[in-house]
Amino acid sequence: MSERLLVMLRERRSDAGLTQGELADRVGVSRKTINTVENGVFVPSTLLALKLAAALDCAVEALFALPQDE
């Protein structure tokens, strides 16, 4: 079974009125890193997830979650 991470980063970033580049600057990564996280290609480290949550003023769980078993 392959586990997927549910990523709500794009919605939170958009709601905050930030571009990928602006969020990237705030957390010290490239715009491409933000893009790959938003698209589920790259799973962020704990440190990056915490920085993203702080930059968007929300809990990490508001950005990332495990899918519920059905």
PDB file of N, CA and C in Angstrom:
ATOM      1  N   MET A   1       0.844  -1.179   0.000  1.00  0.00           N
ATOM      2  CA  MET A   1       0.000   0.000   0.000  1.00  0.00           C
ATOM      3  C   MET A   1       0.888   1.241   0.000  1.00  0.00           C
ATOM      4  N   SER A   2       0.626   2.174  -0.905  1.00  0.00           N
ATOM      5  CA  SER A   2       1.417   3.393  -0.911  1.00  0.00           C
ATOM      6  C   SER A   2       0.629   4.496  -0.211  1.00  0.00           C
ATOM      7  N   GLU A   3       1.251   5.104   0.767  1.00  0.00           N
ATOM      8  CA  GLU A   3       0.587   6.165   1.508  1.00  0.00           C
ATOM      9  C   GLU A   3       0.809   7.493   0.817  1.00  0.00           C
ATOM     10  N   ARG A   4      -0.226   8.301   0.792  1.00  0.00           N
ATOM     11  CA  ARG A   4      -0.138   9.643   0.218  1.00  0.00           C
ATOM     12  C   ARG A   4      -0.416  10.649   1.323  1.00  0.00           C
ATOM     13  N   LEU A   5       0.202  11.765   1.211  1.00  0.00           N
ATOM     14  CA  LEU A   5      -0.009  12.856   2.141  1.00  0.00           C
ATOM     15  C   LEU A   5      -1.022  13.816   1.520  1.00  0.00           C
ATOM     16  N   LEU A   6      -2.046  14.173   2.284  1.00  0.00           N
ATOM     17  CA  LEU A   6      -2.987  15.186   1.809  1.00  0.00           C
ATOM     18  C   LEU A   6      -2.360  16.553   2.039  1.00  0.00           C
ATOM     19  N   VAL A   7      -2.272  17.341   0.989  1.00  0.00           N
ATOM     20  CA  VAL A   7      -1.601  18.640   1.064  1.00  0.00           C
ATOM     21  C   VAL A   7      -2.619  19.749   0.784  1.00  0.00           C
ATOM     22  N   MET A   8      -2.832  20.605   1.768  1.00  0.00           N
ATOM     23  CA  MET A   8      -3.749  21.735   1.633  1.00  0.00           C
ATOM     24  C   MET A   8      -2.986  23.062   1.537  1.00  0.00           C
ATOM     25  N   LEU A   9      -1.689  22.974   1.254  1.00  0.00           N
ATOM     26  CA  LEU A   9      -0.824  24.148   1.231  1.00  0.00           C
ATOM     27  C   LEU A   9      -1.278  25.178   0.198  1.00  0.00           C
ATOM     28  N   ARG A  10      -1.623  24.737  -0.997  1.00  0.00           N
ATOM     29  CA  ARG A  10      -2.006  25.667  -2.058  1.00  0.00           C
ATOM     30  C   ARG A  10      -3.202  26.524  -1.629  1.00  0.00           C
ATOM     31  N   GLU A  11      -4.202  25.888  -1.028  1.00  0.00           N
ATOM     32  CA  GLU A  11      -5.391  26.615  -0.607  1.00  0.00           C
ATOM     33  C   GLU A  11      -5.052  27.648   0.475  1.00  0.00           C
ATOM     34  N   ARG A  12      -4.262  27.249   1.465  1.00  0.00           N
ATOM     35  CA  ARG A  12      -3.879  28.167   2.539  1.00  0.00           C
ATOM     36  C   ARG A  12      -3.045  29.319   2.007  1.00  0.00           C
ATOM     37  N   ARG A  13      -2.114  29.014   1.109  1.00  0.00           N
ATOM     38  CA  ARG A  13      -1.264  30.056   0.525  1.00  0.00           C
ATOM     39  C   ARG A  13      -2.105  31.038  -0.268  1.00  0.00           C
ATOM     40  N   SER A  14      -3.009  30.509  -1.072  1.00  0.00           N
ATOM     41  CA  SER A  14      -3.880  31.349  -1.885  1.00  0.00           C
ATOM     42  C   SER A  14      -4.779  32.217  -0.999  1.00  0.00           C
ATOM     43  N   ASP A  15      -5.336  31.616   0.046  1.00  0.00           N
ATOM     44  CA  ASP A  15      -6.179  32.376   0.979  1.00  0.00           C
ATOM     45  C   ASP A  15      -5.403  33.509   1.643  1.00  0.00           C
ATOM     46  N   ALA A  16      -4.111  33.308   1.838  1.00  0.00           N
ATOM     47  CA  ALA A  16      -3.263  34.331   2.454  1.00  0.00           C
ATOM     48  C   ALA A  16      -2.830  35.391   1.436  1.00  0.00           C
ATOM     49  N   GLY A  17      -3.172  35.186   0.164  1.00  0.00           N
ATOM     50  CA  GLY A  17      -2.824  36.153  -0.867  1.00  0.00           C
ATOM     51  C   GLY A  17      -1.356  36.136  -1.257  1.00  0.00           C
ATOM     52  N   LEU A  18      -0.709  34.989  -1.091  1.00  0.00           N
ATOM     53  CA  LEU A  18       0.717  34.866  -1.393  1.00  0.00           C
ATOM     54  C   LEU A  18       0.936  34.063  -2.667  1.00  0.00           C
ATOM     55  N   THR A  19       1.955  34.440  -3.419  1.00  0.00           N
ATOM     56  CA  THR A  19       2.395  33.619  -4.541  1.00  0.00           C
ATOM     57  C   THR A  19       3.328  32.536  -4.002  1.00  0.00           C
ATOM     58  N   GLN A  20       3.631  31.569  -4.839  1.00  0.00           N
ATOM     59  CA  GLN A  20       4.598  30.552  -4.435  1.00  0.00           C
ATOM     60  C   GLN A  20       5.935  31.197  -4.119  1.00  0.00           C
ATOM     61  N   GLY A  21       6.339  32.165  -4.910  1.00  0.00           N
ATOM     62  CA  GLY A  21       7.620  32.844  -4.698  1.00  0.00           C
ATOM     63  C   GLY A  21       7.653  33.611  -3.384  1.00  0.00           C
ATOM     64  N   GLU A  22       6.564  34.273  -3.058  1.00  0.00           N
ATOM     65  CA  GLU A  22       6.513  35.029  -1.802  1.00  0.00           C
ATOM     66  C   GLU A  22       6.591  34.101  -0.590  1.00  0.00           C
ATOM     67  N   LEU A  23       5.866  32.988  -0.648  1.00  0.00           N
ATOM     68  CA  LEU A  23       5.930  32.026   0.453  1.00  0.00           C
ATOM     69  C   LEU A  23       7.328  31.420   0.539  1.00  0.00           C
ATOM     70  N   ALA A  24       7.901  31.100  -0.597  1.00  0.00           N
ATOM     71  CA  ALA A  24       9.255  30.543  -0.623  1.00  0.00           C
ATOM     72  C   ALA A  24      10.247  31.488   0.041  1.00  0.00           C
ATOM     73  N   ASP A  25      10.144  32.780  -0.270  1.00  0.00           N
ATOM     74  CA  ASP A  25      11.031  33.767   0.348  1.00  0.00           C
ATOM     75  C   ASP A  25      10.858  33.803   1.864  1.00  0.00           C
ATOM     76  N   ARG A  26       9.632  33.693   2.316  1.00  0.00           N
ATOM     77  CA  ARG A  26       9.358  33.744   3.762  1.00  0.00           C
ATOM     78  C   ARG A  26       9.971  32.573   4.528  1.00  0.00           C
ATOM     79  N   VAL A  27      10.038  31.414   3.875  1.00  0.00           N
ATOM     80  CA  VAL A  27      10.544  30.237   4.581  1.00  0.00           C
ATOM     81  C   VAL A  27      11.953  29.832   4.153  1.00  0.00           C
ATOM     82  N   GLY A  28      12.527  30.550   3.188  1.00  0.00           N
ATOM     83  CA  GLY A  28      13.911  30.300   2.812  1.00  0.00           C
ATOM     84  C   GLY A  28      14.154  29.114   1.897  1.00  0.00           C
ATOM     85  N   VAL A  29      13.192  28.867   0.981  1.00  0.00           N
ATOM     86  CA  VAL A  29      13.369  27.808  -0.015  1.00  0.00           C
ATOM     87  C   VAL A  29      13.091  28.395  -1.387  1.00  0.00           C
ATOM     88  N   SER A  30      13.230  27.582  -2.416  1.00  0.00           N
ATOM     89  CA  SER A  30      12.946  28.050  -3.772  1.00  0.00           C
ATOM     90  C   SER A  30      11.449  27.955  -4.068  1.00  0.00           C
ATOM     91  N   ARG A  31      11.023  28.706  -5.075  1.00  0.00           N
ATOM     92  CA  ARG A  31       9.635  28.616  -5.516  1.00  0.00           C
ATOM     93  C   ARG A  31       9.323  27.206  -6.000  1.00  0.00           C
ATOM     94  N   LYS A  32      10.297  26.576  -6.638  1.00  0.00           N
ATOM     95  CA  LYS A  32      10.100  25.212  -7.128  1.00  0.00           C
ATOM     96  C   LYS A  32       9.833  24.239  -5.979  1.00  0.00           C
ATOM     97  N   THR A  33      10.483  24.450  -4.836  1.00  0.00           N
ATOM     98  CA  THR A  33      10.222  23.596  -3.673  1.00  0.00           C
ATOM     99  C   THR A  33       8.772  23.722  -3.240  1.00  0.00           C
ATOM    100  N   ILE A  34       8.266  24.953  -3.181  1.00  0.00           N
ATOM    101  CA  ILE A  34       6.858  25.158  -2.804  1.00  0.00           C
ATOM    102  C   ILE A  34       5.963  24.456  -3.812  1.00  0.00           C
ATOM    103  N   ASN A  35       6.277  24.597  -5.092  1.00  0.00           N
ATOM    104  CA  ASN A  35       5.491  23.954  -6.137  1.00  0.00           C
ATOM    105  C   ASN A  35       5.458  22.440  -5.979  1.00  0.00           C
ATOM    106  N   THR A  36       6.606  21.837  -5.716  1.00  0.00           N
ATOM    107  CA  THR A  36       6.651  20.372  -5.602  1.00  0.00           C
ATOM    108  C   THR A  36       5.937  19.885  -4.340  1.00  0.00           C
ATOM    109  N   VAL A  37       5.976  20.673  -3.276  1.00  0.00           N
ATOM    110  CA  VAL A  37       5.221  20.306  -2.068  1.00  0.00           C
ATOM    111  C   VAL A  37       3.726  20.395  -2.362  1.00  0.00           C
ATOM    112  N   GLU A  38       3.293  21.491  -2.964  1.00  0.00           N
ATOM    113  CA  GLU A  38       1.870  21.669  -3.272  1.00  0.00           C
ATOM    114  C   GLU A  38       1.330  20.561  -4.170  1.00  0.00           C
ATOM    115  N   ASN A  39       2.158  20.064  -5.070  1.00  0.00           N
ATOM    116  CA  ASN A  39       1.727  19.025  -6.008  1.00  0.00           C
ATOM    117  C   ASN A  39       1.957  17.605  -5.501  1.00  0.00           C
ATOM    118  N   GLY A  40       2.416  17.469  -4.260  1.00  0.00           N
ATOM    119  CA  GLY A  40       2.595  16.146  -3.677  1.00  0.00           C
ATOM    120  C   GLY A  40       3.789  15.382  -4.205  1.00  0.00           C
ATOM    121  N   VAL A  41       4.683  16.059  -4.911  1.00  0.00           N
ATOM    122  CA  VAL A  41       5.881  15.414  -5.451  1.00  0.00           C
ATOM    123  C   VAL A  41       6.941  15.271  -4.367  1.00  0.00           C
ATOM    124  N   PHE A  42       7.001  16.241  -3.481  1.00  0.00           N
ATOM    125  CA  PHE A  42       8.019  16.295  -2.420  1.00  0.00           C
ATOM    126  C   PHE A  42       7.323  16.394  -1.077  1.00  0.00           C
ATOM    127  N   VAL A  43       7.676  15.504  -0.154  1.00  0.00           N
ATOM    128  CA  VAL A  43       7.159  15.561   1.212  1.00  0.00           C
ATOM    129  C   VAL A  43       8.137  16.404   2.021  1.00  0.00           C
ATOM    130  N   PRO A  44       7.657  17.504   2.598  1.00  0.00           N
ATOM    131  CA  PRO A  44       8.570  18.404   3.302  1.00  0.00           C
ATOM    132  C   PRO A  44       9.105  17.792   4.590  1.00  0.00           C
ATOM    133  N   SER A  45      10.272  18.254   4.979  1.00  0.00           N
ATOM    134  CA  SER A  45      10.824  17.859   6.269  1.00  0.00           C
ATOM    135  C   SER A  45       9.961  18.459   7.372  1.00  0.00           C
ATOM    136  N   THR A  46      10.129  17.972   8.574  1.00  0.00           N
ATOM    137  CA  THR A  46       9.409  18.534   9.717  1.00  0.00           C
ATOM    138  C   THR A  46       9.727  20.009   9.871  1.00  0.00           C
ATOM    139  N   LEU A  47      10.990  20.366   9.717  1.00  0.00           N
ATOM    140  CA  LEU A  47      11.401  21.764   9.846  1.00  0.00           C
ATOM    141  C   LEU A  47      10.701  22.647   8.810  1.00  0.00           C
ATOM    142  N   LEU A  48      10.665  22.209   7.557  1.00  0.00           N
ATOM    143  CA  LEU A  48      10.002  22.991   6.526  1.00  0.00           C
ATOM    144  C   LEU A  48       8.494  23.061   6.782  1.00  0.00           C
ATOM    145  N   ALA A  49       7.885  21.967   7.192  1.00  0.00           N
ATOM    146  CA  ALA A  49       6.452  21.980   7.486  1.00  0.00           C
ATOM    147  C   ALA A  49       6.133  22.975   8.599  1.00  0.00           C
ATOM    148  N   LEU A  50       6.970  23.022   9.622  1.00  0.00           N
ATOM    149  CA  LEU A  50       6.765  23.971  10.716  1.00  0.00           C
ATOM    150  C   LEU A  50       6.951  25.415  10.242  1.00  0.00           C
ATOM    151  N   LYS A  51       7.944  25.648   9.389  1.00  0.00           N
ATOM    152  CA  LYS A  51       8.159  26.995   8.849  1.00  0.00           C
ATOM    153  C   LYS A  51       6.984  27.429   7.980  1.00  0.00           C
ATOM    154  N   LEU A  52       6.466  26.524   7.170  1.00  0.00           N
ATOM    155  CA  LEU A  52       5.312  26.845   6.330  1.00  0.00           C
ATOM    156  C   LEU A  52       4.095  27.196   7.180  1.00  0.00           C
ATOM    157  N   ALA A  53       3.858  26.399   8.207  1.00  0.00           N
ATOM    158  CA  ALA A  53       2.724  26.664   9.095  1.00  0.00           C
ATOM    159  C   ALA A  53       2.885  28.014   9.791  1.00  0.00           C
ATOM    160  N   ALA A  54       4.072  28.322  10.251  1.00  0.00           N
ATOM    161  CA  ALA A  54       4.308  29.608  10.910  1.00  0.00           C
ATOM    162  C   ALA A  54       4.106  30.757   9.935  1.00  0.00           C
ATOM    163  N   ALA A  55       4.600  30.608   8.708  1.00  0.00           N
ATOM    164  CA  ALA A  55       4.470  31.663   7.715  1.00  0.00           C
ATOM    165  C   ALA A  55       3.014  31.910   7.338  1.00  0.00           C
ATOM    166  N   LEU A  56       2.191  30.866   7.425  1.00  0.00           N
ATOM    167  CA  LEU A  56       0.775  30.982   7.080  1.00  0.00           C
ATOM    168  C   LEU A  56      -0.114  31.108   8.320  1.00  0.00           C
ATOM    169  N   ASP A  57       0.528  31.219   9.487  1.00  0.00           N
ATOM    170  CA  ASP A  57      -0.176  31.411  10.752  1.00  0.00           C
ATOM    171  C   ASP A  57      -1.265  30.370  10.979  1.00  0.00           C
ATOM    172  N   CYS A  58      -0.847  29.099  10.877  1.00  0.00           N
ATOM    173  CA  CYS A  58      -1.791  28.007  11.094  1.00  0.00           C
ATOM    174  C   CYS A  58      -1.041  26.802  11.659  1.00  0.00           C
ATOM    175  N   ALA A  59      -1.770  25.793  12.047  1.00  0.00           N
ATOM    176  CA  ALA A  59      -1.176  24.550  12.539  1.00  0.00           C
ATOM    177  C   ALA A  59      -0.681  23.709  11.358  1.00  0.00           C
ATOM    178  N   VAL A  60       0.326  22.915  11.592  1.00  0.00           N
ATOM    179  CA  VAL A  60       0.834  22.021  10.547  1.00  0.00           C
ATOM    180  C   VAL A  60      -0.294  21.132  10.018  1.00  0.00           C
ATOM    181  N   GLU A  61      -1.183  20.712  10.907  1.00  0.00           N
ATOM    182  CA  GLU A  61      -2.291  19.844  10.512  1.00  0.00           C
ATOM    183  C   GLU A  61      -3.261  20.534   9.561  1.00  0.00           C
ATOM    184  N   ALA A  62      -3.236  21.862   9.510  1.00  0.00           N
ATOM    185  CA  ALA A  62      -4.072  22.592   8.552  1.00  0.00           C
ATOM    186  C   ALA A  62      -3.464  22.547   7.156  1.00  0.00           C
ATOM    187  N   LEU A  63      -2.198  22.179   7.057  1.00  0.00           N
ATOM    188  CA  LEU A  63      -1.503  22.110   5.772  1.00  0.00           C
ATOM    189  C   LEU A  63      -1.322  20.687   5.271  1.00  0.00           C
ATOM    190  N   PHE A  64      -1.122  19.752   6.205  1.00  0.00           N
ATOM    191  CA  PHE A  64      -0.810  18.371   5.836  1.00  0.00           C
ATOM    192  C   PHE A  64      -1.597  17.407   6.713  1.00  0.00           C
ATOM    193  N   ALA A  65      -2.077  16.329   6.097  1.00  0.00           N
ATOM    194  CA  ALA A  65      -2.806  15.319   6.861  1.00  0.00           C
ATOM    195  C   ALA A  65      -2.660  13.962   6.181  1.00  0.00           C
ATOM    196  N   LEU A  66      -2.880  12.929   6.946  1.00  0.00           N
ATOM    197  CA  LEU A  66      -2.934  11.591   6.393  1.00  0.00           C
ATOM    198  C   LEU A  66      -4.375  11.311   5.974  1.00  0.00           C
ATOM    199  N   PRO A  67      -4.574  10.630   4.843  1.00  0.00           N
ATOM    200  CA  PRO A  67      -5.938  10.307   4.425  1.00  0.00           C
ATOM    201  C   PRO A  67      -6.599   9.396   5.462  1.00  0.00           C
ATOM    202  N   GLN A  68      -7.889   9.582   5.646  1.00  0.00           N
ATOM    203  CA  GLN A  68      -8.650   8.719   6.552  1.00  0.00           C
ATOM    204  C   GLN A  68      -8.946   7.405   5.850  1.00  0.00           C
ATOM    205  N   ASP A  69      -8.799   6.284   6.565  1.00  0.00           N
ATOM    206  CA  ASP A  69      -9.147   4.977   6.002  1.00  0.00           C
ATOM    207  C   ASP A  69     -10.661   4.895   5.833  1.00  0.00           C
ATOM    208  N   GLU A  70     -11.059   4.366   4.710  1.00  0.00           N
ATOM    209  CA  GLU A  70     -12.507   4.223   4.473  1.00  0.00           C
ATOM    210  C   GLU A  70     -12.922   2.796   4.546  1.00  0.00           C
TER     211      GLU A  70
END
